[in-house]
């Protein structure tokens, strides 16, 4: 796929990849083998019928391809951009055994973008309402997927969003250069609204209203909780309270949701001259590449080797092209400060890799006497997140696990009758497509619960 030049894109927030045109999309689609037992479909968390939509695309029937995708995914333009296809559909592609797999994500993006551009003529009739009402907490990928499916089943659905913008992690967590907000996210959300879903912003469930009041005086038949995982984690090392230490969550929210990168907005954000991001996941890549675009020298510090990086290979590749420095097999032990209480450096130790741990990755082991300092002005902690405890604390009968995640079965049923949950609120921070899959499974379980009451 055509991309911006790395030297240029490291200075702006425009989208890195330009996307296929129709000729390019049909050429790539023609590589599909149309396997009798398509492993790509089995590897897709929402079960998109990939060979079917690719067949339509090969024929030039983009509208038909969009219809196939819409049966299983309500956010194709988003998924095509941010899903880890290399470990899912493309990772299972037979062509990938000896060469390059079919670029399923890029094809999905093309079809999704085409559909956004032709939304007016492709609008479907609203389904007949069945008289039942479902409340959805959170407008991230889990909430949007659940709401879309329920609306298509005939339910009256209302989404409650705590922030002033709709989209959850799609708007506050993922940078503009990976996922354009106005061009893509807002228009995908509009597609959900066209199904008849009502969305109310600036409502904190647990404060403004409660789950109990939604099921009680508000008269909803069921509630789905897709509130995500927005509570950041820190290391607990010395110096984390110094000025200049922030979570990736806060840093990215300022940049993405509050447009700190845009001079027309008066949102404060501090990067200094040198930024170190601690972590190796997609959020770490988003934070370090954002810091680079804001003018800082940007470095990743990660305690394992590059082979164990959990971030998408494409994001690592793009980061390297943009001049991001990677300090692998290094683990912070202290944030260093100056006399005024500001960060001046990060003290780390070298690591080696031992035996695999419960995650299957080799466990990092500290080398004795290997301390070294990395000079910096800002340290961004990208170490994962956990759910906000507010909902569990204000809802009777709603249990959580030791990580603070809501307890729910595979279909999203929680320990409270009529309350369902999915996405990061249940699993902790994961991917957009896994959250969508959880939202879709919960929609089916909600439908069964209401119909059989």
Protein backbone atom coordinates (compact mmCIF):
# COMPACT_ATOMS: atom_id res chain seq x y z
CA UNK A 1 0.00 0.00 0.00
CA UNK A 2 1.22 3.48 -0.84
CA UNK A 3 2.46 5.44 2.21
CA UNK A 4 3.66 8.88 3.19
CA UNK A 5 7.42 9.35 3.06
CA UNK A 6 8.78 8.55 6.57
CA UNK A 7 10.76 11.79 6.89
CA UNK A 8 7.66 13.84 6.05
CA UNK A 9 5.09 11.88 8.07
CA UNK A 10 7.23 12.06 11.24
CA UNK A 11 6.42 15.78 11.25
CA UNK A 12 2.64 15.61 10.73
CA UNK A 13 -0.46 13.78 11.95
CA UNK A 14 -1.85 12.89 8.53
CA UNK A 15 -2.59 9.22 7.86
CA UNK A 16 0.50 7.12 7.15
CA UNK A 17 -1.10 4.73 4.62
CA UNK A 18 -3.03 6.09 1.64
CA UNK A 19 -5.12 3.00 0.92
CA UNK A 20 -5.79 1.05 -2.29
CA UNK A 21 -7.62 2.38 -5.31
CA UNK A 22 -10.09 0.05 -7.05
CA UNK A 23 -7.54 -1.34 -9.50
CA UNK A 24 -5.04 -2.09 -6.72
CA UNK A 25 -7.76 -3.65 -4.54
CA UNK A 26 -8.97 -5.94 -7.32
CA UNK A 27 -5.39 -6.97 -8.14
CA UNK A 28 -4.71 -7.89 -4.52
CA UNK A 29 -8.10 -9.61 -4.19
CA UNK A 30 -7.28 -11.79 -7.23
CA UNK A 31 -4.53 -13.50 -5.20
CA UNK A 32 -7.09 -15.23 -2.91
CA UNK A 33 -7.19 -19.03 -3.39
CA UNK A 34 -10.80 -19.33 -2.10
CA UNK A 35 -9.92 -22.32 0.07
CA UNK A 36 -12.62 -24.92 0.67
CA UNK A 37 -12.09 -24.60 4.42
CA UNK A 38 -10.98 -20.97 4.80
CA UNK A 39 -8.71 -20.71 7.83
CA UNK A 40 -8.89 -16.92 7.62
CA UNK A 41 -12.58 -16.96 8.60
CA UNK A 42 -11.90 -19.20 11.60
CA UNK A 43 -9.11 -16.84 12.70
CA UNK A 44 -11.32 -13.72 12.52
CA UNK A 45 -12.77 -12.87 15.98
CA UNK A 46 -16.06 -11.72 14.42
CA UNK A 47 -16.18 -14.37 11.68
CA UNK A 48 -16.20 -12.12 8.59
CA UNK A 49 -16.75 -14.29 5.51
CA UNK A 50 -13.48 -13.19 3.96
CA UNK A 51 -13.39 -15.27 0.73
CA UNK A 52 -16.98 -14.19 -0.02
CA UNK A 53 -16.30 -10.47 0.22
CA UNK A 54 -13.04 -10.87 -1.70
CA UNK A 55 -14.89 -12.69 -4.49
CA UNK A 56 -17.33 -9.80 -4.82
CA UNK A 57 -14.43 -7.36 -4.87
CA UNK A 58 -12.67 -9.34 -7.60
CA UNK A 59 -15.81 -8.95 -9.72
CA UNK A 60 -15.84 -5.20 -9.10
CA UNK A 61 -18.98 -5.48 -6.94
CA UNK A 62 -17.81 -3.30 -4.05
CA UNK A 63 -21.36 -2.80 -2.73
CA UNK A 64 -21.80 -6.57 -2.57
CA UNK A 65 -18.48 -6.92 -0.75
CA UNK A 66 -19.64 -4.29 1.75
CA UNK A 67 -22.88 -6.22 2.32
CA UNK A 68 -20.93 -9.41 3.09
CA UNK A 69 -18.71 -7.64 5.62
CA UNK A 70 -21.69 -5.85 7.21
CA UNK A 71 -23.22 -9.18 8.25
CA UNK A 72 -20.42 -9.63 10.79
CA UNK A 73 -18.63 -6.29 11.27
CA UNK A 74 -20.07 -2.85 11.90
CA UNK A 75 -16.70 -1.05 11.77
CA UNK A 76 -14.81 -2.26 8.65
CA UNK A 77 -12.87 0.94 7.97
CA UNK A 78 -11.61 0.93 11.55
CA UNK A 79 -10.81 -2.79 11.69
CA UNK A 80 -9.02 -2.61 8.35
CA UNK A 81 -6.68 -0.02 9.85
CA UNK A 82 -6.00 -1.15 13.41
CA UNK A 83 -6.63 -4.90 13.71
CA UNK A 84 -3.59 -7.18 14.13
CA UNK A 85 -4.30 -9.07 10.94
CA UNK A 86 -0.85 -10.70 10.96
CA UNK A 87 -1.88 -12.80 13.99
CA UNK A 88 -5.48 -13.37 12.86
CA UNK A 89 -6.89 -13.65 9.33
CA UNK A 90 -3.65 -12.97 7.44
CA UNK A 91 -1.68 -15.12 9.87
CA UNK A 92 -3.90 -18.06 8.92
CA UNK A 93 -3.77 -17.43 5.15
CA UNK A 94 -2.39 -20.40 3.22
CA UNK A 95 -0.44 -18.09 0.90
CA UNK A 96 1.48 -16.83 3.92
CA UNK A 97 3.16 -20.21 4.42
CA UNK A 98 5.61 -19.61 1.59
CA UNK A 99 5.06 -15.96 0.71
CA UNK A 100 2.91 -12.92 1.42
CA UNK A 101 -0.64 -13.59 2.66
CA UNK A 102 -3.58 -11.85 1.02
CA UNK A 103 -3.77 -8.31 2.47
CA UNK A 104 -7.18 -8.89 4.02
CA UNK A 105 -7.01 -5.84 6.29
CA UNK A 106 -6.17 -3.46 3.46
CA UNK A 107 -8.98 -4.92 1.34
CA UNK A 108 -11.44 -4.56 4.22
CA UNK A 109 -10.30 -0.96 4.64
CA UNK A 110 -10.90 -0.26 0.94
CA UNK A 111 -14.42 -1.71 1.05
CA UNK A 112 -15.23 0.08 4.32
CA UNK A 113 -14.03 3.42 2.99
CA UNK A 114 -16.00 2.93 -0.22
CA UNK A 115 -19.09 2.20 1.84
CA UNK A 116 -18.62 5.37 3.90
CA UNK A 117 -18.39 7.39 0.70
CA UNK A 118 -21.59 5.83 -0.65
CA UNK A 119 -23.57 5.74 2.61
CA UNK A 120 -26.46 7.80 1.25
CA UNK A 121 -27.33 5.43 -1.60
CA UNK A 122 -26.58 2.28 0.43
CA UNK A 123 -28.81 3.14 3.41
CA UNK A 124 -30.99 0.21 4.44
CA UNK A 125 -34.47 0.42 5.91
CA UNK A 126 -34.64 0.50 9.71
CA UNK A 127 -35.71 -2.82 11.27
CA UNK A 128 -39.12 -3.00 12.94
CA UNK A 129 -38.92 -2.37 16.70
CA UNK A 130 -39.88 -5.18 19.10
CA UNK A 131 -40.78 -2.94 22.05
CA UNK A 132 -37.76 -3.92 24.18
CA UNK A 133 -35.02 -1.55 25.35
CA UNK A 134 -31.31 -2.15 26.04
CA UNK A 135 -28.81 0.28 27.58
CA UNK A 136 -25.17 0.16 26.47
CA UNK A 137 -22.48 1.67 28.71
CA UNK A 138 -19.56 2.96 26.64
CA UNK A 139 -19.27 3.85 22.96
CA UNK A 140 -16.03 2.03 22.20
CA UNK A 141 -15.79 -0.91 19.80
CA UNK A 142 -17.54 -3.37 22.16
CA UNK A 143 -20.43 -1.01 22.81
CA UNK A 144 -20.84 0.00 19.17
CA UNK A 145 -20.79 -3.62 17.97
CA UNK A 146 -23.30 -4.72 20.61
CA UNK A 147 -25.60 -1.76 19.92
CA UNK A 148 -25.48 -2.33 16.13
CA UNK A 149 -26.42 -5.99 16.37
CA UNK A 150 -29.21 -5.35 18.86
CA UNK A 151 -30.64 -2.56 16.70
CA UNK A 152 -30.66 -4.90 13.70
CA UNK A 153 -32.62 -7.39 15.83
CA UNK A 154 -35.29 -4.75 16.50
CA UNK A 155 -34.28 -3.50 19.94
CA UNK A 156 -34.42 0.14 20.99
CA UNK A 157 -30.82 0.82 22.04
CA UNK A 158 -29.33 3.77 23.90
CA UNK A 159 -25.59 4.22 24.40
CA UNK A 160 -24.31 6.19 27.39
CA UNK A 161 -20.82 7.69 26.90
CA UNK A 162 -18.85 9.34 29.72
CA UNK A 163 -16.79 11.61 27.44
CA UNK A 164 -17.95 14.41 25.13
CA UNK A 165 -16.94 12.49 22.00
CA UNK A 166 -18.27 9.13 20.83
CA UNK A 167 -15.89 6.26 20.08
CA UNK A 168 -14.10 5.34 23.31
CA UNK A 169 -10.53 4.16 22.71
CA UNK A 170 -11.02 4.82 19.00
CA UNK A 171 -11.00 8.58 19.69
CA UNK A 172 -8.86 8.95 22.82
CA UNK A 173 -6.34 6.13 22.39
CA UNK A 174 -5.44 5.68 18.73
CA UNK A 175 -3.59 8.56 17.02
CA UNK A 176 -4.92 10.46 14.04
CA UNK A 177 -2.08 9.20 11.80
CA UNK A 178 -3.33 5.63 12.29
CA UNK A 179 -7.06 6.26 12.51
CA UNK A 180 -8.53 9.57 11.26
CA UNK A 181 -11.29 10.74 13.58
CA UNK A 182 -13.44 12.95 11.36
CA UNK A 183 -12.92 11.06 8.13
CA UNK A 184 -13.41 7.55 9.55
CA UNK A 185 -14.49 7.21 13.21
CA UNK A 186 -17.23 9.83 13.18
CA UNK A 187 -18.67 8.45 9.94
CA UNK A 188 -18.61 4.86 11.23
CA UNK A 189 -20.46 6.10 14.33
CA UNK A 190 -23.01 7.80 12.07
CA UNK A 191 -23.66 4.44 10.43
CA UNK A 192 -24.55 3.07 13.89
CA UNK A 193 -26.87 6.04 14.51
CA UNK A 194 -28.61 5.36 11.19
CA UNK A 195 -29.68 2.00 12.62
CA UNK A 196 -31.74 3.96 15.14
CA UNK A 197 -29.25 3.78 18.03
CA UNK A 198 -29.46 6.78 20.35
CA UNK A 199 -26.21 8.06 21.87
CA UNK A 200 -25.99 10.35 24.90
CA UNK A 201 -22.60 11.79 25.86
CA UNK A 202 -21.31 13.25 29.15
CA UNK A 203 -23.05 10.55 31.19
CA UNK A 204 -20.93 8.75 33.78
CA UNK A 205 -22.73 5.53 34.65
CA UNK A 206 -22.07 5.05 38.34
CA UNK A 207 -22.41 8.78 39.00
CA UNK A 208 -24.90 10.51 36.66
CA UNK A 209 -27.00 7.35 36.55
CA UNK A 210 -26.42 3.82 37.87
CA UNK A 211 -26.89 0.36 36.41
CA UNK A 212 -29.61 -0.18 39.00
CA UNK A 213 -31.50 2.94 37.90
CA UNK A 214 -31.21 1.94 34.24
CA UNK A 215 -32.78 -1.44 35.01
CA UNK A 216 -35.25 0.15 37.43
CA UNK A 217 -36.86 3.53 36.89
CA UNK A 218 -35.33 4.00 33.41
CA UNK A 219 -37.09 0.82 32.27
CA UNK A 220 -34.35 -0.92 30.28
CA UNK A 221 -34.69 -4.70 29.90
CA UNK A 222 -30.93 -5.33 29.98
CA UNK A 223 -27.63 -3.46 30.25
CA UNK A 224 -24.39 -4.11 28.38
CA UNK A 225 -21.18 -2.76 29.93
CA UNK A 226 -18.47 -1.97 27.41
CA UNK A 227 -16.71 0.73 29.41
CA UNK A 228 -13.19 -0.31 28.46
CA UNK A 229 -10.05 -0.20 30.57
CA UNK A 230 -8.89 3.34 31.14
CA UNK A 231 -7.09 3.08 34.49
CA UNK A 232 -3.32 3.26 33.82
CA UNK A 233 -0.67 1.15 35.51
CA UNK A 234 2.69 2.34 36.82
CA UNK A 235 5.83 0.45 37.86
CA UNK A 236 6.02 1.51 41.50
CA UNK A 237 9.65 2.62 41.16
CA UNK A 238 11.29 5.66 42.70
CA UNK A 239 10.73 9.00 40.97
CA UNK A 240 7.39 8.19 39.34
CA UNK A 241 5.86 11.26 41.02
CA UNK A 242 8.32 13.65 39.35
CA UNK A 243 7.05 16.28 36.93
CA UNK A 244 7.34 14.84 33.45
CA UNK A 245 6.19 11.29 34.25
CA UNK A 246 2.80 10.54 32.64
CA UNK A 247 0.78 7.52 31.61
CA UNK A 248 0.39 6.79 27.92
CA UNK A 249 -3.36 7.00 28.53
CA UNK A 250 -3.18 10.64 29.61
CA UNK A 251 -0.61 11.57 26.97
CA UNK A 252 -2.61 10.07 24.11
CA UNK A 253 -5.92 11.46 25.40
CA UNK A 254 -4.48 14.97 25.38
CA UNK A 255 -3.14 14.50 21.86
CA UNK A 256 -6.04 12.59 20.30
CA UNK A 257 -9.27 13.57 22.02
CA UNK A 258 -8.15 17.09 22.98
CA UNK A 259 -6.13 17.85 19.79
CA UNK A 260 -2.98 18.98 21.63
CA UNK A 261 -1.00 18.58 18.39
CA UNK A 262 -3.16 21.25 16.70
CA UNK A 263 -2.12 24.86 17.36
CA UNK A 264 -5.78 25.91 17.18
CA UNK A 265 -6.46 24.06 20.45
CA UNK A 266 -5.19 25.29 23.81
CA UNK A 267 -4.55 21.84 25.27
CA UNK A 268 -1.32 21.66 27.31
CA UNK A 269 1.05 18.81 26.50
CA UNK A 270 4.74 18.61 27.41
CA UNK A 271 7.35 16.55 25.57
CA UNK A 272 10.56 18.48 26.16
CA UNK A 273 13.47 17.53 23.92
CA UNK A 274 13.82 13.83 24.79
CA UNK A 275 11.01 11.36 25.55
CA UNK A 276 11.34 7.78 26.76
CA UNK A 277 8.33 5.47 26.45
CA UNK A 278 8.38 2.38 28.66
CA UNK A 279 6.61 -0.61 27.09
CA UNK A 280 6.42 -2.58 23.86
CA UNK A 281 2.75 -2.83 22.91
CA UNK A 282 0.67 -0.93 20.38
CA UNK A 283 -0.05 1.82 22.92
CA UNK A 284 3.70 2.31 23.44
CA UNK A 285 4.18 2.62 19.66
CA UNK A 286 1.32 5.12 19.44
CA UNK A 287 2.79 7.20 22.28
CA UNK A 288 6.38 7.21 21.01
CA UNK A 289 5.36 8.06 17.44
CA UNK A 290 3.12 10.85 18.74
CA UNK A 291 6.00 12.25 20.81
CA UNK A 292 8.22 12.19 17.71
CA UNK A 293 5.63 14.18 15.77
CA UNK A 294 5.46 16.72 18.59
CA UNK A 295 9.17 17.43 18.09
CA UNK A 296 10.98 15.25 20.63
CA UNK A 297 13.74 12.69 20.25
CA UNK A 298 11.78 9.55 21.07
CA UNK A 299 13.00 6.23 22.50
CA UNK A 300 11.33 2.94 23.41
CA UNK A 301 12.63 1.04 26.45
CA UNK A 302 11.46 -2.58 26.58
CA UNK A 303 12.59 -5.37 28.88
CA UNK A 304 12.51 -8.18 26.30
CA UNK A 305 14.00 -8.52 22.82
CA UNK A 306 12.42 -7.37 19.58
CA UNK A 307 11.15 -10.90 18.90
CA UNK A 308 8.89 -10.63 21.97
CA UNK A 309 7.46 -7.18 21.18
CA UNK A 310 3.65 -7.45 21.47
CA UNK A 311 3.08 -4.49 19.13
CA UNK A 312 1.99 -5.07 15.55
CA UNK A 313 4.89 -5.69 13.19
CA UNK A 314 3.64 -2.90 10.92
CA UNK A 315 3.69 -0.38 13.78
CA UNK A 316 7.24 -1.36 14.75
CA UNK A 317 8.33 -1.10 11.12
CA UNK A 318 6.76 2.36 10.76
CA UNK A 319 8.30 3.52 14.05
CA UNK A 320 11.79 2.50 12.90
CA UNK A 321 11.28 4.26 9.56
CA UNK A 322 10.36 7.42 11.46
CA UNK A 323 13.56 7.43 13.50
CA UNK A 324 12.34 5.96 16.79
CA UNK A 325 15.21 4.54 18.90
CA UNK A 326 14.65 1.08 20.43
CA UNK A 327 16.51 0.18 23.66
CA UNK A 328 15.72 -3.53 24.00
CA UNK A 329 16.47 -5.83 26.95
CA UNK A 330 16.38 -2.86 29.33
CA UNK A 331 14.17 -2.35 32.38
CA UNK A 332 13.69 0.91 34.35
CA UNK A 333 14.53 0.85 38.06
CA UNK A 334 14.31 4.58 38.90
CA UNK A 335 13.22 7.88 37.37
CA UNK A 336 15.90 10.51 38.01
CA UNK A 337 14.99 14.11 38.86
CA UNK A 338 16.64 17.52 39.17
CA UNK A 339 16.49 20.04 42.03
CA UNK A 340 13.22 21.52 40.72
CA UNK A 341 11.44 18.14 40.73
CA UNK A 342 11.51 17.55 36.96
CA UNK A 343 12.64 14.43 35.14
CA UNK A 344 16.26 14.44 33.99
CA UNK A 345 16.74 10.77 33.14
CA UNK A 346 15.70 7.15 33.47
CA UNK A 347 17.95 4.63 35.24
CA UNK A 348 17.70 1.15 33.73
CA UNK A 349 19.30 -2.27 34.05
CA UNK A 350 20.20 -4.65 31.26
CA UNK A 351 18.17 -7.86 30.99
CA UNK A 352 18.68 -11.33 29.58
CA UNK A 353 15.97 -13.80 28.59
CA UNK A 354 15.41 -16.91 30.69
CA UNK A 355 12.81 -19.68 30.49
CA UNK A 356 9.30 -18.95 29.13
CA UNK A 357 6.74 -17.63 31.62
CA UNK A 358 2.95 -18.19 31.71
CA UNK A 359 2.53 -15.94 28.63
CA UNK A 360 4.79 -18.23 26.60
CA UNK A 361 7.42 -15.53 26.20
CA UNK A 362 10.87 -15.91 27.70
CA UNK A 363 11.10 -14.34 31.15
CA UNK A 364 13.41 -11.29 31.43
CA UNK A 365 16.16 -11.68 34.07
CA UNK A 366 18.18 -8.76 35.42
CA UNK A 367 21.96 -8.63 34.84
CA UNK A 368 23.82 -7.76 38.01
CA UNK A 369 25.82 -4.52 37.97
CA UNK A 370 24.44 -3.46 34.57
CA UNK A 371 22.80 -0.14 35.48
CA UNK A 372 22.89 2.69 32.94
CA UNK A 373 21.10 6.03 32.55
CA UNK A 374 19.04 7.31 29.63
CA UNK A 375 18.86 11.15 29.63
CA UNK A 376 15.31 12.45 29.05
CA UNK A 377 12.80 15.18 29.96
CA UNK A 378 9.64 13.06 29.87
CA UNK A 379 8.89 9.43 30.75
CA UNK A 380 5.67 7.91 29.39
CA UNK A 381 4.51 4.68 31.03
CA UNK A 382 2.76 2.38 28.55
CA UNK A 383 2.38 -0.68 30.78
CA UNK A 384 -1.25 -1.59 30.22
CA UNK A 385 -4.51 -0.51 31.82
CA UNK A 386 -7.31 -1.94 33.93
CA UNK A 387 -11.02 -1.09 34.18
CA UNK A 388 -12.25 1.82 36.25
CA UNK A 389 -13.62 0.36 39.53
CA UNK A 390 -16.58 2.79 39.63
CA UNK A 391 -19.14 0.53 37.93
CA UNK A 392 -18.44 -2.50 40.09
CA UNK A 393 -18.43 -0.34 43.23
CA UNK A 394 -21.85 1.16 42.47
CA UNK A 395 -23.62 -1.97 41.18
CA UNK A 396 -24.77 -4.64 43.60
CA UNK A 397 -24.10 -8.24 42.59
CA UNK A 398 -21.45 -7.35 40.01
CA UNK A 399 -18.27 -9.31 40.72
CA UNK A 400 -14.71 -8.59 39.55
CA UNK A 401 -11.52 -10.63 39.38
CA UNK A 402 -8.19 -9.88 41.06
CA UNK A 403 -7.25 -7.47 38.23
CA UNK A 404 -10.44 -5.45 38.72
CA UNK A 405 -12.00 -6.77 35.50
CA UNK A 406 -15.71 -7.60 35.46
CA UNK A 407 -16.46 -11.31 35.79
CA UNK A 408 -18.37 -12.57 32.74
CA UNK A 409 -18.70 -15.79 30.78
CA UNK A 410 -17.85 -16.22 27.09
CA UNK A 411 -21.24 -14.79 26.06
CA UNK A 412 -20.90 -11.76 28.32
CA UNK A 413 -23.23 -12.82 31.15
CA UNK A 414 -22.06 -11.24 34.41
CA UNK A 415 -22.88 -12.31 37.96
CA UNK A 416 -25.85 -9.91 37.94
CA UNK A 417 -29.00 -10.98 36.08
CA UNK A 418 -29.77 -8.70 33.14
CA UNK A 419 -26.27 -7.21 33.12
CA UNK A 420 -23.82 -8.22 30.39
CA UNK A 421 -20.26 -7.08 29.72
CA UNK A 422 -17.51 -7.45 27.15
CA UNK A 423 -14.34 -6.01 25.72
CA UNK A 424 -11.56 -4.49 27.80
CA UNK A 425 -13.86 -4.13 30.83
CA UNK A 426 -13.74 -7.94 31.06
CA UNK A 427 -10.38 -8.89 29.53
CA UNK A 428 -8.26 -5.87 30.36
CA UNK A 429 -6.63 -3.94 27.51
CA UNK A 430 -6.84 -5.96 24.27
CA UNK A 431 -7.63 -5.27 20.60
CA UNK A 432 -10.49 -3.50 18.84
CA UNK A 433 -11.59 -6.63 16.99
CA UNK A 434 -11.66 -8.78 20.15
CA UNK A 435 -13.82 -6.15 21.84
CA UNK A 436 -16.15 -6.13 18.84
CA UNK A 437 -16.40 -9.92 18.97
CA UNK A 438 -17.32 -9.76 22.66
CA UNK A 439 -19.96 -7.13 21.95
CA UNK A 440 -21.52 -9.24 19.21
CA UNK A 441 -21.63 -12.38 21.39
CA UNK A 442 -23.21 -10.37 24.19
CA UNK A 443 -25.87 -9.03 21.82
CA UNK A 444 -26.94 -12.59 21.01
CA UNK A 445 -26.98 -13.49 24.72
CA UNK A 446 -29.03 -10.38 25.54
CA UNK A 447 -31.53 -11.28 22.83
CA UNK A 448 -31.85 -14.80 24.25
CA UNK A 449 -32.19 -13.47 27.82
CA UNK A 450 -34.98 -11.02 26.94
CA UNK A 451 -36.89 -13.44 24.70
CA UNK A 452 -36.85 -16.25 27.29
CA UNK A 453 -37.65 -14.23 30.40
